[in-house]
Amino acid sequence: MKKTLLIIIVLITTTSVFAQQESAFRSGEWFKFKMSYSNWLKAGNATLTVKESQLKGRDVYHVVGKGWTTGMIKWFFAVEDRYESYFDKEYLVPYKFVRDIDEGGHTKDLVVDFDQNKNKAYVHDKKRGSKKTVNTKPNVQDMVSTFYYLRNKLDTKSLKVGHEVHVDMFFDDENYGFKLKYLGEETITTGFGPVRSLKFRPYVMAGRVFKEEESLTLWVSKDKNKIPLRIQANLAVGSLRADLEDFSGLSHPFKTTKN
């Protein structure tokens, strides 16, 4: 369950698929999520905040994602994570990524600078005092920028059930092939009322945490915002779920089926 909670925090800061010609997001957008075990025991929270900034003379979006455990879960496994991404406002490719985490005493403090022209990632491990250079794929995304890139770039109107989305992502100091499968439409009950959603399956590595690759399900709003509403992880015992709890600064109106 411990690693599953961390994976869901990561997914909140990396996944959403979904787009249109108009921008799905803007500076000032903010999300808050609540996580629960077996739908009753509160496990933690996560937030995402978007602001405009500049990096080396470039106009960028600066996104900060935070995740932390609360309540009983925090007693035996405290998490305090911070992720940051600086990505180009026009092309939505990242130039800088920060991962500063403390997960039950396991810590990392990484800064990754991307050279999108040379297809290089310069990884600075501040905790260990080491630096390395890694070759990347063209227009590679980081785990936070992927969320915003796909919200604007993927045309959901052409999606058919069974369609798979593939993104070249760079995480820590490795290239990672992210895959997401479209499962269809569904109206789900949320804290805001019933919401029409698009349903997806993020593929994960089968093993000790997940029994199979298809253990996760993701729902996003079927509107111009394409916001993540829920992530469900089915475990060997119980389940872990993240739900959108609050938001502000959306680019477009958010409607339930009762509006």
C-alpha atoms as a PDB file:
ATOM      1  CA  MET A   1       0.000   0.000   0.000  1.00  0.00           C
ATOM      2  CA  LYS A   2       2.866   2.397   0.751  1.00  0.00           C
ATOM      3  CA  LYS A   3       4.283   2.321  -2.763  1.00  0.00           C
ATOM      4  CA  THR A   4       0.795   2.401  -4.260  1.00  0.00           C
ATOM      5  CA  LEU A   5       0.087   5.704  -2.503  1.00  0.00           C
ATOM      6  CA  LEU A   6       3.273   7.162  -3.959  1.00  0.00           C
ATOM      7  CA  ILE A   7       2.370   5.951  -7.450  1.00  0.00           C
ATOM      8  CA  ILE A   8      -1.041   7.630  -7.237  1.00  0.00           C
ATOM      9  CA  ILE A   9       0.572  10.899  -6.104  1.00  0.00           C
ATOM     10  CA  VAL A  10       2.867  10.626  -9.129  1.00  0.00           C
ATOM     11  CA  LEU A  11      -0.033   9.869 -11.465  1.00  0.00           C
ATOM     12  CA  ILE A  12      -1.908  12.928 -10.238  1.00  0.00           C
ATOM     13  CA  THR A  13       1.075  15.011 -11.262  1.00  0.00           C
ATOM     14  CA  THR A  14       1.559  13.272 -14.582  1.00  0.00           C
ATOM     15  CA  THR A  15      -1.597  11.996 -16.191  1.00  0.00           C
ATOM     16  CA  SER A  16      -4.486  13.535 -18.102  1.00  0.00           C
ATOM     17  CA  VAL A  17      -5.085  13.050 -21.801  1.00  0.00           C
ATOM     18  CA  PHE A  18      -7.169  15.263 -23.592  1.00  0.00           C
ATOM     19  CA  ALA A  19      -7.401  18.143 -25.795  1.00  0.00           C
ATOM     20  CA  GLN A  20      -8.687  20.725 -28.138  1.00  0.00           C
ATOM     21  CA  GLN A  21      -7.423  23.743 -30.053  1.00  0.00           C
ATOM     22  CA  GLU A  22      -8.246  26.062 -27.152  1.00  0.00           C
ATOM     23  CA  SER A  23      -5.894  25.770 -24.211  1.00  0.00           C
ATOM     24  CA  ALA A  24      -7.213  23.437 -21.521  1.00  0.00           C
ATOM     25  CA  PHE A  25      -5.429  25.339 -18.750  1.00  0.00           C
ATOM     26  CA  ARG A  26      -4.049  28.748 -17.807  1.00  0.00           C
ATOM     27  CA  SER A  27      -1.959  30.475 -15.188  1.00  0.00           C
ATOM     28  CA  GLY A  28      -3.756  30.400 -11.844  1.00  0.00           C
ATOM     29  CA  GLU A  29      -5.210  26.914 -12.229  1.00  0.00           C
ATOM     30  CA  TRP A  30      -5.168  24.953  -8.960  1.00  0.00           C
ATOM     31  CA  PHE A  31      -6.306  21.437  -8.038  1.00  0.00           C
ATOM     32  CA  LYS A  32      -6.579  19.655  -4.699  1.00  0.00           C
ATOM     33  CA  PHE A  33      -7.063  15.897  -4.367  1.00  0.00           C
ATOM     34  CA  LYS A  34      -7.894  13.670  -1.425  1.00  0.00           C
ATOM     35  CA  MET A  35      -6.731  10.068  -1.176  1.00  0.00           C
ATOM     36  CA  SER A  36      -8.458   7.281   0.697  1.00  0.00           C
ATOM     37  CA  TYR A  37      -7.860   3.599   1.392  1.00  0.00           C
ATOM     38  CA  SER A  38     -10.819   1.283   0.657  1.00  0.00           C
ATOM     39  CA  ASN A  39     -12.909   4.463   0.170  1.00  0.00           C
ATOM     40  CA  TRP A  40     -13.116   5.306   3.890  1.00  0.00           C
ATOM     41  CA  LEU A  41      -9.679   5.789   5.486  1.00  0.00           C
ATOM     42  CA  LYS A  42      -8.110   9.102   4.507  1.00  0.00           C
ATOM     43  CA  ALA A  43      -4.562   8.552   3.274  1.00  0.00           C
ATOM     44  CA  GLY A  44      -3.284  11.903   2.011  1.00  0.00           C
ATOM     45  CA  ASN A  45      -3.628  14.948  -0.201  1.00  0.00           C
ATOM     46  CA  ALA A  46      -2.061  16.333  -3.360  1.00  0.00           C
ATOM     47  CA  THR A  47      -2.156  19.724  -5.091  1.00  0.00           C
ATOM     48  CA  LEU A  48      -1.187  21.164  -8.486  1.00  0.00           C
ATOM     49  CA  THR A  49      -0.600  24.892  -9.093  1.00  0.00           C
ATOM     50  CA  VAL A  50       0.128  26.657 -12.410  1.00  0.00           C
ATOM     51  CA  LYS A  51       1.876  30.027 -12.688  1.00  0.00           C
ATOM     52  CA  GLU A  52       3.561  31.991 -15.473  1.00  0.00           C
ATOM     53  CA  SER A  53       7.307  32.601 -15.203  1.00  0.00           C
ATOM     54  CA  GLN A  54      10.522  33.040 -17.167  1.00  0.00           C
ATOM     55  CA  LEU A  55      13.508  30.706 -17.393  1.00  0.00           C
ATOM     56  CA  LYS A  56      16.677  31.825 -19.173  1.00  0.00           C
ATOM     57  CA  GLY A  57      14.710  34.388 -21.162  1.00  0.00           C
ATOM     58  CA  ARG A  58      11.956  31.971 -22.185  1.00  0.00           C
ATOM     59  CA  ASP A  59       8.279  32.375 -21.298  1.00  0.00           C
ATOM     60  CA  VAL A  60       7.297  29.265 -19.361  1.00  0.00           C
ATOM     61  CA  TYR A  61       4.639  27.778 -17.176  1.00  0.00           C
ATOM     62  CA  HIS A  62       5.921  26.899 -13.718  1.00  0.00           C
ATOM     63  CA  VAL A  63       3.911  24.064 -12.186  1.00  0.00           C
ATOM     64  CA  VAL A  64       4.322  22.894  -8.594  1.00  0.00           C
ATOM     65  CA  GLY A  65       2.901  19.533  -7.523  1.00  0.00           C
ATOM     66  CA  LYS A  66       2.830  18.527  -3.853  1.00  0.00           C
ATOM     67  CA  GLY A  67       1.801  15.274  -2.185  1.00  0.00           C
ATOM     68  CA  TRP A  68       1.659  14.341   1.498  1.00  0.00           C
ATOM     69  CA  THR A  69       0.170  11.694   3.783  1.00  0.00           C
ATOM     70  CA  THR A  70      -2.299  12.507   6.559  1.00  0.00           C
ATOM     71  CA  GLY A  71      -4.107  10.857   9.463  1.00  0.00           C
ATOM     72  CA  MET A  72      -3.353   7.280  10.465  1.00  0.00           C
ATOM     73  CA  ILE A  73      -1.281   6.599   7.344  1.00  0.00           C
ATOM     74  CA  LYS A  74       1.158   9.351   8.337  1.00  0.00           C
ATOM     75  CA  TRP A  75       1.781   7.674  11.676  1.00  0.00           C
ATOM     76  CA  PHE A  76       3.671   4.789  10.085  1.00  0.00           C
ATOM     77  CA  PHE A  77       4.618   6.183   6.674  1.00  0.00           C
ATOM     78  CA  ALA A  78       5.029   9.950   6.313  1.00  0.00           C
ATOM     79  CA  VAL A  79       5.295  11.402   2.797  1.00  0.00           C
ATOM     80  CA  GLU A  80       6.260  14.963   1.882  1.00  0.00           C
ATOM     81  CA  ASP A  81       6.858  15.298  -1.871  1.00  0.00           C
ATOM     82  CA  ARG A  82       7.409  18.312  -4.102  1.00  0.00           C
ATOM     83  CA  TYR A  83       7.651  18.242  -7.883  1.00  0.00           C
ATOM     84  CA  GLU A  84       8.253  21.229 -10.161  1.00  0.00           C
ATOM     85  CA  SER A  85       8.287  21.643 -13.923  1.00  0.00           C
ATOM     86  CA  TYR A  86       9.203  24.618 -16.098  1.00  0.00           C
ATOM     87  CA  PHE A  87       7.877  24.083 -19.638  1.00  0.00           C
ATOM     88  CA  ASP A  88       7.560  26.238 -22.737  1.00  0.00           C
ATOM     89  CA  LYS A  89       4.262  28.157 -22.956  1.00  0.00           C
ATOM     90  CA  GLU A  90       3.946  27.609 -26.712  1.00  0.00           C
ATOM     91  CA  TYR A  91       5.495  24.202 -27.372  1.00  0.00           C
ATOM     92  CA  LEU A  92       4.795  22.645 -23.951  1.00  0.00           C
ATOM     93  CA  VAL A  93       8.198  20.933 -23.726  1.00  0.00           C
ATOM     94  CA  PRO A  94      10.061  21.017 -20.388  1.00  0.00           C
ATOM     95  CA  TYR A  95      13.292  22.878 -19.729  1.00  0.00           C
ATOM     96  CA  LYS A  96      13.676  22.107 -16.027  1.00  0.00           C
ATOM     97  CA  PHE A  97      12.312  19.546 -13.573  1.00  0.00           C
ATOM     98  CA  VAL A  98      12.703  19.341  -9.794  1.00  0.00           C
ATOM     99  CA  ARG A  99      11.981  16.354  -7.538  1.00  0.00           C
ATOM    100  CA  ASP A 100      12.407  16.942  -3.787  1.00  0.00           C
ATOM    101  CA  ILE A 101      10.890  14.121  -1.738  1.00  0.00           C
ATOM    102  CA  ASP A 102      10.850  12.528   1.692  1.00  0.00           C
ATOM    103  CA  GLU A 103       8.989   9.218   1.707  1.00  0.00           C
ATOM    104  CA  GLY A 104       9.215   7.459   5.041  1.00  0.00           C
ATOM    105  CA  GLY A 105      12.813   8.662   5.437  1.00  0.00           C
ATOM    106  CA  HIS A 106      13.743   7.824   1.830  1.00  0.00           C
ATOM    107  CA  THR A 107      14.827  11.149   0.330  1.00  0.00           C
ATOM    108  CA  LYS A 108      15.732  12.483  -3.116  1.00  0.00           C
ATOM    109  CA  ASP A 109      16.705  15.960  -4.261  1.00  0.00           C
ATOM    110  CA  LEU A 110      17.074  16.035  -8.053  1.00  0.00           C
ATOM    111  CA  VAL A 111      17.233  18.847 -10.595  1.00  0.00           C
ATOM    112  CA  VAL A 112      17.029  17.970 -14.304  1.00  0.00           C
ATOM    113  CA  ASP A 113      17.789  20.531 -17.018  1.00  0.00           C
ATOM    114  CA  PHE A 114      16.649  19.611 -20.537  1.00  0.00           C
ATOM    115  CA  ASP A 115      18.311  20.668 -23.777  1.00  0.00           C
ATOM    116  CA  GLN A 116      15.493  19.999 -26.232  1.00  0.00           C
ATOM    117  CA  ASN A 117      17.688  20.929 -29.225  1.00  0.00           C
ATOM    118  CA  LYS A 118      20.437  18.458 -28.402  1.00  0.00           C
ATOM    119  CA  ASN A 119      18.111  15.828 -26.853  1.00  0.00           C
ATOM    120  CA  LYS A 120      20.031  15.809 -23.576  1.00  0.00           C
ATOM    121  CA  ALA A 121      19.028  15.722 -19.913  1.00  0.00           C
ATOM    122  CA  TYR A 122      21.510  17.063 -17.346  1.00  0.00           C
ATOM    123  CA  VAL A 123      20.759  15.407 -14.026  1.00  0.00           C
ATOM    124  CA  HIS A 124      22.030  16.966 -10.796  1.00  0.00           C
ATOM    125  CA  ASP A 125      21.629  14.706  -7.761  1.00  0.00           C
ATOM    126  CA  LYS A 126      21.973  17.315  -5.023  1.00  0.00           C
ATOM    127  CA  LYS A 127      21.753  14.743  -2.228  1.00  0.00           C
ATOM    128  CA  ARG A 128      24.703  12.722  -3.530  1.00  0.00           C
ATOM    129  CA  GLY A 129      26.547  15.650  -5.076  1.00  0.00           C
ATOM    130  CA  SER A 130      26.712  13.967  -8.479  1.00  0.00           C
ATOM    131  CA  LYS A 131      25.957  15.030 -12.056  1.00  0.00           C
ATOM    132  CA  LYS A 132      25.336  13.030 -15.221  1.00  0.00           C
ATOM    133  CA  THR A 133      24.177  13.550 -18.803  1.00  0.00           C
ATOM    134  CA  VAL A 134      21.588  11.264 -20.406  1.00  0.00           C
ATOM    135  CA  ASN A 135      20.459  11.095 -24.030  1.00  0.00           C
ATOM    136  CA  THR A 136      16.709  11.656 -24.418  1.00  0.00           C
ATOM    137  CA  LYS A 137      14.023  11.255 -27.077  1.00  0.00           C
ATOM    138  CA  PRO A 138      13.030  14.322 -29.153  1.00  0.00           C
ATOM    139  CA  ASN A 139      10.514  16.540 -27.340  1.00  0.00           C
ATOM    140  CA  VAL A 140      10.737  14.387 -24.228  1.00  0.00           C
ATOM    141  CA  GLN A 141       8.379  15.221 -21.363  1.00  0.00           C
ATOM    142  CA  ASP A 142       8.904  15.115 -17.607  1.00  0.00           C
ATOM    143  CA  MET A 143       6.392  13.547 -15.238  1.00  0.00           C
ATOM    144  CA  VAL A 144       4.620  16.861 -14.554  1.00  0.00           C
ATOM    145  CA  SER A 145       4.701  18.466 -18.011  1.00  0.00           C
ATOM    146  CA  THR A 146       3.133  15.308 -19.503  1.00  0.00           C
ATOM    147  CA  PHE A 147      -0.131  16.155 -17.759  1.00  0.00           C
ATOM    148  CA  TYR A 148      -0.397  19.554 -19.425  1.00  0.00           C
ATOM    149  CA  TYR A 149       1.074  18.500 -22.768  1.00  0.00           C
ATOM    150  CA  LEU A 150      -1.549  15.797 -23.278  1.00  0.00           C
ATOM    151  CA  ARG A 151      -4.424  17.959 -22.116  1.00  0.00           C
ATOM    152  CA  ASN A 152      -3.679  20.300 -25.032  1.00  0.00           C
ATOM    153  CA  LYS A 153      -2.275  17.989 -27.693  1.00  0.00           C
ATOM    154  CA  LEU A 154      -4.428  14.849 -27.768  1.00  0.00           C
ATOM    155  CA  ASP A 155      -7.656  15.102 -29.760  1.00  0.00           C
ATOM    156  CA  THR A 156     -10.202  13.202 -27.669  1.00  0.00           C
ATOM    157  CA  LYS A 157     -12.915  13.571 -30.310  1.00  0.00           C
ATOM    158  CA  SER A 158     -11.104  11.029 -32.476  1.00  0.00           C
ATOM    159  CA  LEU A 159     -10.513   8.521 -29.673  1.00  0.00           C
ATOM    160  CA  LYS A 160     -12.063   5.084 -29.970  1.00  0.00           C
ATOM    161  CA  VAL A 161     -12.367   2.466 -27.261  1.00  0.00           C
ATOM    162  CA  GLY A 162      -9.109   0.531 -27.070  1.00  0.00           C
ATOM    163  CA  HIS A 163      -6.990   3.403 -28.430  1.00  0.00           C
ATOM    164  CA  GLU A 164      -3.566   3.636 -26.751  1.00  0.00           C
ATOM    165  CA  VAL A 165      -1.617   6.821 -26.033  1.00  0.00           C
ATOM    166  CA  HIS A 166       2.199   6.681 -25.866  1.00  0.00           C
ATOM    167  CA  VAL A 167       4.450   9.443 -24.512  1.00  0.00           C
ATOM    168  CA  ASP A 168       8.244   9.605 -24.175  1.00  0.00           C
ATOM    169  CA  MET A 169       8.873  10.641 -20.579  1.00  0.00           C
ATOM    170  CA  PHE A 170      12.036  11.210 -18.546  1.00  0.00           C
ATOM    171  CA  PHE A 171      11.892  10.338 -14.832  1.00  0.00           C
ATOM    172  CA  ASP A 172      14.791  10.744 -12.372  1.00  0.00           C
ATOM    173  CA  ASP A 173      17.661   9.734 -14.686  1.00  0.00           C
ATOM    174  CA  GLU A 174      15.940   7.359 -17.094  1.00  0.00           C
ATOM    175  CA  ASN A 175      13.820   7.402 -20.224  1.00  0.00           C
ATOM    176  CA  TYR A 176      10.371   5.931 -19.649  1.00  0.00           C
ATOM    177  CA  GLY A 177       7.667   4.902 -22.117  1.00  0.00           C
ATOM    178  CA  PHE A 178       4.301   5.933 -20.708  1.00  0.00           C
ATOM    179  CA  LYS A 179       1.182   4.168 -22.049  1.00  0.00           C
ATOM    180  CA  LEU A 180      -2.504   4.903 -21.508  1.00  0.00           C
ATOM    181  CA  LYS A 181      -5.522   3.031 -22.902  1.00  0.00           C
ATOM    182  CA  TYR A 182      -8.935   4.628 -23.599  1.00  0.00           C
ATOM    183  CA  LEU A 183     -11.839   2.632 -22.110  1.00  0.00           C
ATOM    184  CA  GLY A 184     -14.820   4.793 -23.077  1.00  0.00           C
ATOM    185  CA  GLU A 185     -17.219   7.274 -21.456  1.00  0.00           C
ATOM    186  CA  GLU A 186     -18.821   7.074 -18.007  1.00  0.00           C
ATOM    187  CA  THR A 187     -20.817   9.384 -15.736  1.00  0.00           C
ATOM    188  CA  ILE A 188     -19.373   9.218 -12.216  1.00  0.00           C
ATOM    189  CA  THR A 189     -20.559  10.592  -8.885  1.00  0.00           C
ATOM    190  CA  THR A 190     -18.213  13.229  -7.434  1.00  0.00           C
ATOM    191  CA  GLY A 191     -18.280  15.749  -4.595  1.00  0.00           C
ATOM    192  CA  PHE A 192     -19.515  18.274  -7.165  1.00  0.00           C
ATOM    193  CA  GLY A 193     -22.325  16.060  -8.472  1.00  0.00           C
ATOM    194  CA  PRO A 194     -22.503  13.571 -11.369  1.00  0.00           C
ATOM    195  CA  VAL A 195     -19.918  14.368 -14.061  1.00  0.00           C
ATOM    196  CA  ARG A 196     -19.542  12.998 -17.588  1.00  0.00           C
ATOM    197  CA  SER A 197     -16.042  11.584 -17.884  1.00  0.00           C
ATOM    198  CA  LEU A 198     -13.580   9.826 -20.152  1.00  0.00           C
ATOM    199  CA  LYS A 199     -12.184   6.622 -18.684  1.00  0.00           C
ATOM    200  CA  PHE A 200      -8.584   5.471 -19.146  1.00  0.00           C
ATOM    201  CA  ARG A 201      -6.226   2.719 -18.004  1.00  0.00           C
ATOM    202  CA  PRO A 202      -2.651   3.776 -17.171  1.00  0.00           C
ATOM    203  CA  TYR A 203      -0.382   0.751 -17.516  1.00  0.00           C
ATOM    204  CA  VAL A 204       1.834  -0.034 -14.527  1.00  0.00           C
ATOM    205  CA  MET A 205       4.532  -2.585 -13.823  1.00  0.00           C
ATOM    206  CA  ALA A 206       3.119  -5.827 -12.417  1.00  0.00           C
ATOM    207  CA  GLY A 207       4.807  -7.156  -9.291  1.00  0.00           C
ATOM    208  CA  ARG A 208       4.642  -6.792  -5.541  1.00  0.00           C
ATOM    209  CA  VAL A 209       2.494  -3.642  -5.535  1.00  0.00           C
ATOM    210  CA  PHE A 210       0.139  -4.434  -8.425  1.00  0.00           C
ATOM    211  CA  LYS A 211      -0.965  -7.924  -9.347  1.00  0.00           C
ATOM    212  CA  GLU A 212      -1.212  -7.013 -13.052  1.00  0.00           C
ATOM    213  CA  GLU A 213      -0.492  -4.180 -15.483  1.00  0.00           C
ATOM    214  CA  GLU A 214      -4.155  -3.152 -15.613  1.00  0.00           C
ATOM    215  CA  SER A 215      -4.651  -2.411 -11.908  1.00  0.00           C
ATOM    216  CA  LEU A 216      -5.230   1.347 -12.310  1.00  0.00           C
ATOM    217  CA  THR A 217      -8.178   3.310 -13.709  1.00  0.00           C
ATOM    218  CA  LEU A 218      -8.332   7.054 -14.411  1.00  0.00           C
ATOM    219  CA  TRP A 219     -11.378   9.278 -15.050  1.00  0.00           C
ATOM    220  CA  VAL A 220     -11.148  12.811 -16.533  1.00  0.00           C
ATOM    221  CA  SER A 221     -13.898  15.331 -17.200  1.00  0.00           C
ATOM    222  CA  LYS A 222     -15.408  15.291 -20.684  1.00  0.00           C
ATOM    223  CA  ASP A 223     -15.164  19.037 -21.209  1.00  0.00           C
ATOM    224  CA  LYS A 224     -12.650  21.605 -22.416  1.00  0.00           C
ATOM    225  CA  ASN A 225     -10.757  21.524 -19.100  1.00  0.00           C
ATOM    226  CA  LYS A 226     -10.041  17.773 -19.189  1.00  0.00           C
ATOM    227  CA  ILE A 227      -9.317  17.668 -15.459  1.00  0.00           C
ATOM    228  CA  PRO A 228      -8.540  14.425 -13.583  1.00  0.00           C
ATOM    229  CA  LEU A 229     -11.531  13.516 -11.424  1.00  0.00           C
ATOM    230  CA  ARG A 230     -10.486  10.176  -9.957  1.00  0.00           C
ATOM    231  CA  ILE A 231      -7.719   7.555  -9.905  1.00  0.00           C
ATOM    232  CA  GLN A 232      -8.534   4.072  -8.591  1.00  0.00           C
ATOM    233  CA  ALA A 233      -5.910   1.444  -7.697  1.00  0.00           C
ATOM    234  CA  ASN A 234      -7.143  -2.097  -7.064  1.00  0.00           C
ATOM    235  CA  LEU A 235      -4.921  -3.947  -4.596  1.00  0.00           C
ATOM    236  CA  ALA A 236      -4.684  -7.506  -3.364  1.00  0.00           C
ATOM    237  CA  VAL A 237      -6.419  -6.262  -0.199  1.00  0.00           C
ATOM    238  CA  GLY A 238      -8.694  -3.245  -0.554  1.00  0.00           C
ATOM    239  CA  SER A 239      -8.099  -0.302  -2.864  1.00  0.00           C
ATOM    240  CA  LEU A 240      -6.592   3.174  -2.944  1.00  0.00           C
ATOM    241  CA  ARG A 241      -8.411   6.107  -4.535  1.00  0.00           C
ATOM    242  CA  ALA A 242      -7.664   9.758  -5.280  1.00  0.00           C
ATOM    243  CA  ASP A 243     -10.574  12.161  -5.889  1.00  0.00           C
ATOM    244  CA  LEU A 244     -10.642  15.793  -6.971  1.00  0.00           C
ATOM    245  CA  GLU A 245     -11.712  17.707  -3.868  1.00  0.00           C
ATOM    246  CA  ASP A 246     -11.373  21.374  -4.862  1.00  0.00           C
ATOM    247  CA  PHE A 247     -10.231  23.568  -7.758  1.00  0.00           C
ATOM    248  CA  SER A 248      -9.927  27.157  -8.956  1.00  0.00           C
ATOM    249  CA  GLY A 249      -8.714  29.142 -11.971  1.00  0.00           C
ATOM    250  CA  LEU A 250     -10.084  26.872 -14.709  1.00  0.00           C
ATOM    251  CA  SER A 251      -9.931  28.055 -18.317  1.00  0.00           C
ATOM    252  CA  HIS A 252     -13.476  26.897 -19.084  1.00  0.00           C
ATOM    253  CA  PRO A 253     -16.736  26.338 -17.176  1.00  0.00           C
ATOM    254  CA  PHE A 254     -16.942  23.084 -15.242  1.00  0.00           C
ATOM    255  CA  LYS A 255     -20.365  21.459 -15.393  1.00  0.00           C
ATOM    256  CA  THR A 256     -22.073  18.497 -13.803  1.00  0.00           C
ATOM    257  CA  THR A 257     -25.014  16.709 -15.399  1.00  0.00           C
ATOM    258  CA  LYS A 258     -27.259  18.690 -13.019  1.00  0.00           C
ATOM    259  CA  ASN A 259     -26.054  22.098 -14.329  1.00  0.00           C
END
